[in-house]
Amino acid sequence: MDPVAESSAQRKFDRGVGQVKTLLAEVEAYEAGRAIVFSSEIERLGPTEILLRSFATERESQPVHWPLLAGEAMQNLRASLDHSIYAASGGKERTQFPIYKNAEDFAARPRSVLEGVPEATVVAIERSQPYELAPENPTAEPLYLLRELSNADKHRVLATVTAAVQHEAIGIGEGIAGHFEEFATGRPLGPGRRRISVYRATRESEIAAEELEPMFSYEVLLEGMRFSMLKGIVDRVFQILTEVETGEPLSPFVPYPLG
């Protein structure tokens, strides 16, 4: 689409989507490129008992621009909603797109927030609120996550991007009993070599080292959440922006920006 023909809200949205695409592609490449590798050491406590200590070593540090890029993407997506409300209001200066986790706060919002916005649009906005779409857990709804990520980046500090153990398992030989004394799952990873888990294995007969097969994987998290949640945020903003600007709900046949 010709950028000149796009609304201010659409151009902000497109910019945010482009930044999310870049970020997701870079994170996927980092996760697939063995930037972090796992190793294990065995301490034999006796012929029938083994202590298996596992470690993660960061071979490639995370790009320092990821928190900045994530923040810029959130600001553009959040601003696209505000721009759409400004346009719908006829240019009222103090308007913005409200995001609340409960109906009471939405009802008590300042009058200026949606001043001049057509009633049908106000109804659509309330229909899109986190407490309407996810009444059981509104703070986990993508629109509310956008609000929190945007506010933190704008007012407090850059988003925290960390790698963490996603999955752990130990393959064991027949007759071996074992348990984790230290779990790795969810453990933050970082520079250097870090111990991530300790596993104790026992059997009535002697255990060979090759009968223990540690398996680990890792993922990159944004504020403790999987990066895939950014797609949910983009989808939710796309739905809302379409309805605010066209006055019609998003058609189920319209392709989403991130597929």
Protein backbone atom coordinates (compact mmCIF):
# COMPACT_ATOMS: atom_id res chain seq x y z
CA MET A 1 0.00 0.00 0.00
CA ASP A 2 1.18 3.52 -0.78
CA PRO A 3 2.37 5.00 2.59
CA VAL A 4 0.88 8.37 1.60
CA ALA A 5 -2.57 6.76 1.45
CA GLU A 6 -2.23 5.11 4.84
CA SER A 7 -3.53 6.70 8.01
CA SER A 8 -1.16 7.82 10.75
CA ALA A 9 -2.38 4.88 12.87
CA GLN A 10 -1.71 2.39 10.07
CA ARG A 11 1.80 3.69 9.51
CA LYS A 12 2.59 3.39 13.23
CA PHE A 13 1.16 -0.13 13.20
CA ASP A 14 3.16 -1.15 10.12
CA ARG A 15 6.34 0.16 11.72
CA GLY A 16 5.66 -1.81 14.90
CA VAL A 17 4.90 -4.98 12.93
CA GLY A 18 8.16 -4.63 11.01
CA GLN A 19 10.09 -4.32 14.26
CA VAL A 20 8.36 -7.37 15.73
CA LYS A 21 9.17 -9.38 12.59
CA THR A 22 12.83 -8.42 12.85
CA LEU A 23 12.96 -9.29 16.53
CA LEU A 24 11.24 -12.65 16.14
CA ALA A 25 13.54 -13.62 13.27
CA GLU A 26 16.67 -12.69 15.24
CA VAL A 27 15.50 -14.54 18.35
CA GLU A 28 14.63 -17.63 16.30
CA ALA A 29 18.08 -17.59 14.71
CA TYR A 30 19.73 -17.21 18.12
CA GLU A 31 17.78 -20.13 19.56
CA ALA A 32 18.50 -22.33 16.53
CA GLY A 33 22.19 -21.44 16.33
CA ARG A 34 23.39 -23.20 19.49
CA ALA A 35 24.32 -19.92 21.09
CA ILE A 36 24.06 -21.82 24.38
CA VAL A 37 25.39 -25.38 24.70
CA PHE A 38 24.92 -27.92 27.45
CA SER A 39 27.38 -30.31 29.05
CA SER A 40 27.45 -32.67 32.02
CA GLU A 41 29.91 -34.08 34.52
CA ILE A 42 29.56 -37.31 36.44
CA GLU A 43 30.62 -37.86 40.05
CA ARG A 44 30.60 -41.54 40.91
CA LEU A 45 29.58 -41.94 44.55
CA GLY A 46 29.93 -45.69 44.28
CA PRO A 47 29.34 -48.41 41.69
CA THR A 48 25.56 -48.15 42.15
CA GLU A 49 25.17 -44.38 42.62
CA ILE A 50 25.99 -41.45 40.33
CA LEU A 51 25.62 -37.71 40.70
CA LEU A 52 25.13 -35.98 37.34
CA ARG A 53 25.80 -32.24 37.25
CA SER A 54 24.77 -30.35 34.13
CA PHE A 55 25.98 -26.98 32.87
CA ALA A 56 25.05 -24.34 30.28
CA THR A 57 27.73 -22.35 28.48
CA GLU A 58 26.90 -19.21 26.54
CA ARG A 59 28.91 -19.18 23.30
CA GLU A 60 27.22 -16.10 21.87
CA SER A 61 25.81 -13.22 23.90
CA GLN A 62 22.40 -11.79 23.10
CA PRO A 63 22.37 -8.67 20.91
CA VAL A 64 22.21 -5.56 23.10
CA HIS A 65 19.66 -3.93 20.81
CA TRP A 66 16.89 -6.45 21.57
CA PRO A 67 15.44 -4.56 24.57
CA LEU A 68 15.49 -1.32 22.57
CA LEU A 69 13.85 -2.92 19.56
CA ALA A 70 11.18 -4.57 21.72
CA GLY A 71 10.42 -1.24 23.41
CA GLU A 72 10.20 0.63 20.12
CA ALA A 73 7.86 -2.01 18.69
CA MET A 74 5.57 -1.77 21.72
CA GLN A 75 5.51 2.03 21.55
CA ASN A 76 4.56 1.99 17.87
CA LEU A 77 1.81 -0.59 18.35
CA ARG A 78 0.44 1.29 21.38
CA ALA A 79 0.61 4.61 19.52
CA SER A 80 -1.27 3.17 16.55
CA LEU A 81 -4.30 2.65 18.82
CA ASP A 82 -4.02 6.17 20.25
CA HIS A 83 -3.73 7.66 16.75
CA SER A 84 -6.86 5.80 15.65
CA ILE A 85 -8.84 7.25 18.56
CA TYR A 86 -7.53 10.77 17.87
CA ALA A 87 -8.75 10.46 14.28
CA ALA A 88 -12.11 8.97 15.34
CA SER A 89 -12.65 11.87 17.79
CA GLY A 90 -12.20 14.46 15.09
CA GLY A 91 -8.88 15.59 16.54
CA LYS A 92 -9.64 16.03 20.24
CA GLU A 93 -6.29 16.69 21.96
CA ARG A 94 -6.57 14.57 25.12
CA THR A 95 -7.96 11.40 23.62
CA GLN A 96 -6.27 8.03 23.83
CA PHE A 97 -7.12 4.36 23.55
CA PRO A 98 -8.06 3.12 27.05
CA ILE A 99 -6.88 -0.27 28.30
CA TYR A 100 -8.27 -1.55 31.60
CA LYS A 101 -8.38 -4.88 33.41
CA ASN A 102 -11.83 -4.36 34.95
CA ALA A 103 -15.15 -2.80 34.00
CA GLU A 104 -15.16 -0.42 36.96
CA ASP A 105 -12.00 1.34 35.81
CA PHE A 106 -13.28 1.56 32.25
CA ALA A 107 -16.51 3.15 33.45
CA ALA A 108 -14.57 5.61 35.65
CA ARG A 109 -12.17 6.69 32.87
CA PRO A 110 -11.70 10.44 32.34
CA ARG A 111 -14.32 11.84 29.96
CA SER A 112 -11.63 13.34 27.75
CA VAL A 113 -10.17 9.94 26.88
CA LEU A 114 -12.94 9.13 24.39
CA GLU A 115 -14.37 12.62 23.86
CA GLY A 116 -15.90 12.99 20.43
CA VAL A 117 -15.58 9.28 19.60
CA PRO A 118 -18.78 7.85 18.07
CA GLU A 119 -20.79 5.70 20.45
CA ALA A 120 -20.55 2.64 18.19
CA THR A 121 -16.75 2.92 18.36
CA VAL A 122 -16.86 3.27 22.15
CA VAL A 123 -18.90 0.05 22.29
CA ALA A 124 -16.31 -1.69 20.09
CA ILE A 125 -13.50 -0.42 22.31
CA GLU A 126 -15.15 -1.78 25.44
CA ARG A 127 -15.73 -5.09 23.67
CA SER A 128 -11.98 -5.32 23.10
CA GLN A 129 -10.99 -4.69 26.72
CA PRO A 130 -8.95 -7.38 28.55
CA TYR A 131 -11.69 -7.98 31.12
CA GLU A 132 -14.13 -8.73 28.29
CA LEU A 133 -11.84 -10.96 26.24
CA ALA A 134 -10.16 -12.78 29.14
CA PRO A 135 -12.38 -12.42 32.23
CA GLU A 136 -10.59 -15.24 34.05
CA ASN A 137 -7.16 -13.62 33.68
CA PRO A 138 -7.29 -10.16 32.07
CA THR A 139 -3.66 -9.33 32.90
CA ALA A 140 -2.55 -12.14 30.54
CA GLU A 141 -4.61 -10.83 27.62
CA PRO A 142 -2.41 -9.50 24.76
CA LEU A 143 -3.85 -5.98 24.92
CA TYR A 144 -3.01 -5.72 28.62
CA LEU A 145 0.48 -7.09 28.00
CA LEU A 146 0.94 -4.34 25.42
CA ARG A 147 -0.08 -1.75 27.98
CA GLU A 148 2.35 -3.09 30.59
CA LEU A 149 5.30 -3.46 28.21
CA SER A 150 4.70 -0.02 26.72
CA ASN A 151 4.38 1.69 30.10
CA ALA A 152 7.49 0.03 31.49
CA ASP A 153 9.57 1.00 28.45
CA LYS A 154 8.23 4.56 28.43
CA HIS A 155 8.39 5.34 32.14
CA ARG A 156 10.69 2.93 33.93
CA VAL A 157 13.37 0.76 32.31
CA LEU A 158 14.22 -1.21 29.20
CA ALA A 159 12.58 -4.61 28.90
CA THR A 160 14.49 -7.54 30.33
CA VAL A 161 15.55 -10.10 27.74
CA THR A 162 17.01 -13.34 29.12
CA ALA A 163 17.64 -16.88 27.99
CA ALA A 164 16.31 -19.67 30.20
CA VAL A 165 16.16 -23.45 30.22
CA GLN A 166 12.95 -24.47 28.48
CA HIS A 167 13.02 -28.25 28.82
CA GLU A 168 15.01 -30.83 30.75
CA ALA A 169 15.02 -34.58 30.83
CA ILE A 170 17.39 -37.42 31.69
CA GLY A 171 17.29 -40.62 29.71
CA ILE A 172 18.13 -43.52 32.01
CA GLY A 173 18.98 -47.17 31.60
CA GLU A 174 16.80 -50.06 32.69
CA GLY A 175 16.30 -50.38 36.44
CA ILE A 176 17.78 -46.99 37.30
CA ALA A 177 15.93 -44.82 39.80
CA GLY A 178 16.69 -41.14 39.92
CA HIS A 179 15.55 -37.69 40.88
CA PHE A 180 16.58 -34.08 40.34
CA GLU A 181 18.15 -32.44 43.36
CA GLU A 182 18.31 -29.16 41.43
CA PHE A 183 15.95 -28.45 38.54
CA ALA A 184 17.02 -26.56 35.42
CA THR A 185 13.66 -25.64 33.88
CA GLY A 186 13.10 -21.88 33.99
CA ARG A 187 16.59 -21.21 35.30
CA PRO A 188 18.00 -17.98 33.80
CA LEU A 189 21.14 -18.38 31.73
CA GLY A 190 23.88 -15.86 31.08
CA PRO A 191 27.53 -15.25 30.37
CA GLY A 192 30.07 -17.96 31.09
CA ARG A 193 29.45 -21.50 32.29
CA ARG A 194 26.68 -22.04 34.81
CA ARG A 195 25.51 -25.14 36.66
CA ILE A 196 21.86 -25.70 35.87
CA SER A 197 20.89 -29.02 37.45
CA VAL A 198 21.94 -31.92 39.64
CA TYR A 199 20.52 -35.41 39.15
CA ARG A 200 21.08 -38.41 41.44
CA ALA A 201 20.80 -41.89 39.93
CA THR A 202 20.87 -45.23 41.79
CA ARG A 203 20.46 -48.91 40.95
CA GLU A 204 21.11 -52.16 42.74
CA SER A 205 23.67 -53.07 40.09
CA GLU A 206 26.51 -50.94 38.73
CA ILE A 207 25.58 -47.93 36.57
CA ALA A 208 27.59 -47.12 33.46
CA ALA A 209 28.04 -43.43 32.61
CA GLU A 210 26.53 -43.91 29.14
CA GLU A 211 23.26 -45.06 30.72
CA LEU A 212 22.50 -41.45 31.67
CA GLU A 213 21.57 -39.14 28.79
CA PRO A 214 20.86 -35.51 29.81
CA MET A 215 18.70 -33.49 27.40
CA PHE A 216 18.15 -29.72 27.61
CA SER A 217 16.82 -26.92 25.44
CA TYR A 218 16.60 -23.17 25.98
CA GLU A 219 14.49 -20.23 24.88
CA VAL A 220 14.76 -16.44 24.98
CA LEU A 221 12.21 -14.62 27.15
CA LEU A 222 10.94 -11.05 27.17
CA GLU A 223 10.03 -9.97 30.71
CA GLY A 224 9.78 -13.66 31.58
CA MET A 225 7.37 -14.38 28.70
CA ARG A 226 7.91 -16.24 25.46
CA PHE A 227 8.59 -14.03 22.47
CA SER A 228 5.71 -15.71 20.65
CA MET A 229 3.35 -13.58 22.75
CA LEU A 230 4.36 -10.62 20.55
CA LYS A 231 2.42 -12.21 17.70
CA GLY A 232 -0.66 -12.26 19.94
CA ILE A 233 -0.20 -8.55 20.64
CA VAL A 234 0.14 -7.74 16.93
CA ASP A 235 -2.98 -9.78 16.12
CA ARG A 236 -5.01 -8.07 18.83
CA VAL A 237 -3.98 -4.55 17.75
CA PHE A 238 -4.74 -5.43 14.13
CA GLN A 239 -8.25 -6.55 15.06
CA ILE A 240 -8.96 -3.42 17.08
CA LEU A 241 -7.40 -0.99 14.62
CA THR A 242 -9.43 -2.44 11.76
CA GLU A 243 -12.68 -2.09 13.65
CA VAL A 244 -12.00 1.43 14.91
CA GLU A 245 -10.98 2.69 11.46
CA THR A 246 -13.60 0.88 9.36
CA GLY A 247 -16.47 0.64 11.82
CA GLU A 248 -16.75 -3.07 11.00
CA PRO A 249 -15.41 -6.15 12.83
CA LEU A 250 -12.41 -7.80 11.22
CA SER A 251 -13.42 -10.32 8.56
CA PRO A 252 -12.39 -13.89 9.40
CA PHE A 253 -10.97 -14.14 5.88
CA VAL A 254 -8.51 -11.24 6.24
CA PRO A 255 -4.90 -12.48 6.61
CA TYR A 256 -3.08 -11.37 9.75
CA PRO A 257 0.15 -9.39 9.40
CA LEU A 258 2.36 -12.13 10.86
CA GLY A 259 0.50 -15.03 9.25
